[in-house]
């Protein structure tokens, strides 16, 4: 991987086909250099989904030919998913705090559910 635009665009090497390398492009909202792109949270969601596929694949291979080490592989990938979910939560915490500081969020007046906590997209 090579940095093309620090914090925003990264070159991803292509292995086959002889084509051009791809890129991961993050949204840039900095004045004067704006461009569209994705967010870290979205790539974390992709990675979480990929981990689900890898866990499924490892379970399949283990069913074909049992190896105890697969249990460690699955545990490590499951923990990686948990950590990536926490990273998403921390990103969203940052967003909430920034909205509060800018006066765009009033924590005391958010919709409250029957459990006494904010109502989230349930």
Protein backbone atom coordinates (compact mmCIF):
# COMPACT_ATOMS: atom_id res chain seq x y z
CA UNK A 1 0.00 0.00 0.00
CA UNK A 2 1.27 3.46 -0.87
CA UNK A 3 0.07 6.81 0.41
CA UNK A 4 -1.19 9.05 -2.39
CA UNK A 5 -2.94 11.70 -0.27
CA UNK A 6 -2.13 11.41 3.43
CA UNK A 7 -5.20 10.47 5.41
CA UNK A 8 -7.40 10.23 2.34
CA UNK A 9 -6.12 8.17 -0.62
CA UNK A 10 -4.11 4.95 -0.53
CA UNK A 11 -2.97 2.85 -3.46
CA UNK A 12 -3.86 -0.83 -3.22
CA UNK A 13 -1.74 -3.27 -5.22
CA UNK A 14 -3.48 -5.47 -7.77
CA UNK A 15 -2.13 -8.99 -8.10
CA UNK A 16 -3.37 -10.32 -11.44
CA UNK A 17 -4.60 -8.98 -14.73
CA UNK A 18 -1.87 -6.49 -15.51
CA UNK A 19 -4.21 -3.58 -14.83
CA UNK A 20 -3.70 -0.48 -12.82
CA UNK A 21 -3.55 -0.61 -9.05
CA UNK A 22 -6.71 0.30 -7.20
CA UNK A 23 -7.20 2.88 -4.50
CA UNK A 24 -9.00 3.28 -1.20
CA UNK A 25 -10.34 6.82 -1.06
CA UNK A 26 -11.66 8.39 2.11
CA UNK A 27 -13.98 11.40 2.04
CA UNK A 28 -12.13 14.71 2.36
CA UNK A 29 -14.17 17.59 3.76
CA UNK A 30 -11.21 19.90 4.32
CA UNK A 31 -11.84 23.25 2.64
CA UNK A 32 -10.12 23.55 -0.71
CA UNK A 33 -9.30 19.84 -1.07
CA UNK A 34 -12.78 18.30 -0.81
CA UNK A 35 -13.61 15.04 -2.58
CA UNK A 36 -15.95 12.12 -2.16
CA UNK A 37 -14.93 8.86 -0.60
CA UNK A 38 -15.76 6.40 2.13
CA UNK A 39 -15.30 6.47 5.91
CA UNK A 40 -13.16 4.40 8.23
CA UNK A 41 -16.35 3.03 9.80
CA UNK A 42 -17.52 1.67 6.44
CA UNK A 43 -14.24 -0.17 5.86
CA UNK A 44 -14.46 -1.55 9.40
CA UNK A 45 -17.95 -2.87 8.53
CA UNK A 46 -16.51 -4.49 5.40
CA UNK A 47 -13.72 -6.08 7.46
CA UNK A 48 -16.24 -7.39 10.00
CA UNK A 49 -18.23 -8.98 7.17
CA UNK A 50 -15.05 -10.44 5.65
CA UNK A 51 -14.17 -11.94 9.05
CA UNK A 52 -17.59 -13.65 9.06
CA UNK A 53 -16.77 -15.18 5.69
CA UNK A 54 -13.32 -16.27 6.90
CA UNK A 55 -14.82 -17.83 10.04
CA UNK A 56 -17.37 -19.68 7.91
CA UNK A 57 -14.61 -20.88 5.57
CA UNK A 58 -12.47 -22.07 8.49
CA UNK A 59 -15.45 -23.94 9.97
CA UNK A 60 -16.08 -25.56 6.59
CA UNK A 61 -12.45 -26.64 6.24
CA UNK A 62 -12.46 -27.92 9.82
CA UNK A 63 -15.54 -30.04 9.05
CA UNK A 64 -13.68 -31.54 6.10
CA UNK A 65 -10.57 -32.34 8.12
CA UNK A 66 -10.56 -31.52 11.84
CA UNK A 67 -7.59 -29.61 13.24
CA UNK A 68 -7.61 -28.20 16.78
CA UNK A 69 -5.66 -25.14 15.64
CA UNK A 70 -8.74 -23.99 13.74
CA UNK A 71 -10.35 -23.23 17.12
CA UNK A 72 -7.57 -20.71 17.79
CA UNK A 73 -7.96 -19.20 14.32
CA UNK A 74 -11.71 -18.77 14.79
CA UNK A 75 -11.25 -17.31 18.26
CA UNK A 76 -8.71 -14.80 16.95
CA UNK A 77 -10.97 -13.75 14.08
CA UNK A 78 -13.98 -13.45 16.40
CA UNK A 79 -11.94 -11.24 18.74
CA UNK A 80 -10.84 -9.14 15.75
CA UNK A 81 -14.51 -8.63 14.87
CA UNK A 82 -15.25 -7.56 18.44
CA UNK A 83 -12.38 -5.07 18.39
CA UNK A 84 -13.49 -3.65 15.04
CA UNK A 85 -17.03 -3.20 16.40
CA UNK A 86 -15.56 -1.33 19.36
CA UNK A 87 -13.60 0.86 16.95
CA UNK A 88 -16.88 1.76 15.22
CA UNK A 89 -18.42 2.63 18.59
CA UNK A 90 -15.45 4.88 19.43
CA UNK A 91 -15.77 6.66 16.07
CA UNK A 92 -19.45 7.26 16.72
CA UNK A 93 -18.68 8.48 20.25
CA UNK A 94 -16.34 11.04 18.71
CA UNK A 95 -19.12 12.19 16.36
CA UNK A 96 -21.58 12.58 19.23
CA UNK A 97 -19.08 14.57 21.29
CA UNK A 98 -18.28 16.87 18.35
CA UNK A 99 -21.97 17.44 17.65
CA UNK A 100 -22.51 18.29 21.32
CA UNK A 101 -19.59 20.76 21.35
CA UNK A 102 -20.97 22.44 18.19
CA UNK A 103 -24.43 22.74 19.81
CA UNK A 104 -25.97 20.28 17.34
CA UNK A 105 -26.82 17.65 19.96
CA UNK A 106 -28.63 18.05 23.26
CA UNK A 107 -28.01 14.81 25.20
CA UNK A 108 -30.61 15.72 27.85
CA UNK A 109 -33.38 15.89 25.27
CA UNK A 110 -32.90 12.80 23.12
CA UNK A 111 -35.81 10.38 22.74
CA UNK A 112 -35.78 7.90 25.64
CA UNK A 113 -36.99 4.33 25.42
CA UNK A 114 -38.79 2.29 28.07
CA UNK A 115 -35.40 1.15 29.38
CA UNK A 116 -34.42 4.77 30.15
CA UNK A 117 -31.78 4.95 27.42
CA UNK A 118 -31.70 6.77 24.08
CA UNK A 119 -33.84 5.22 21.41
CA UNK A 120 -31.62 3.89 18.66
CA UNK A 121 -32.75 2.59 15.25
CA UNK A 122 -34.46 -0.49 16.62
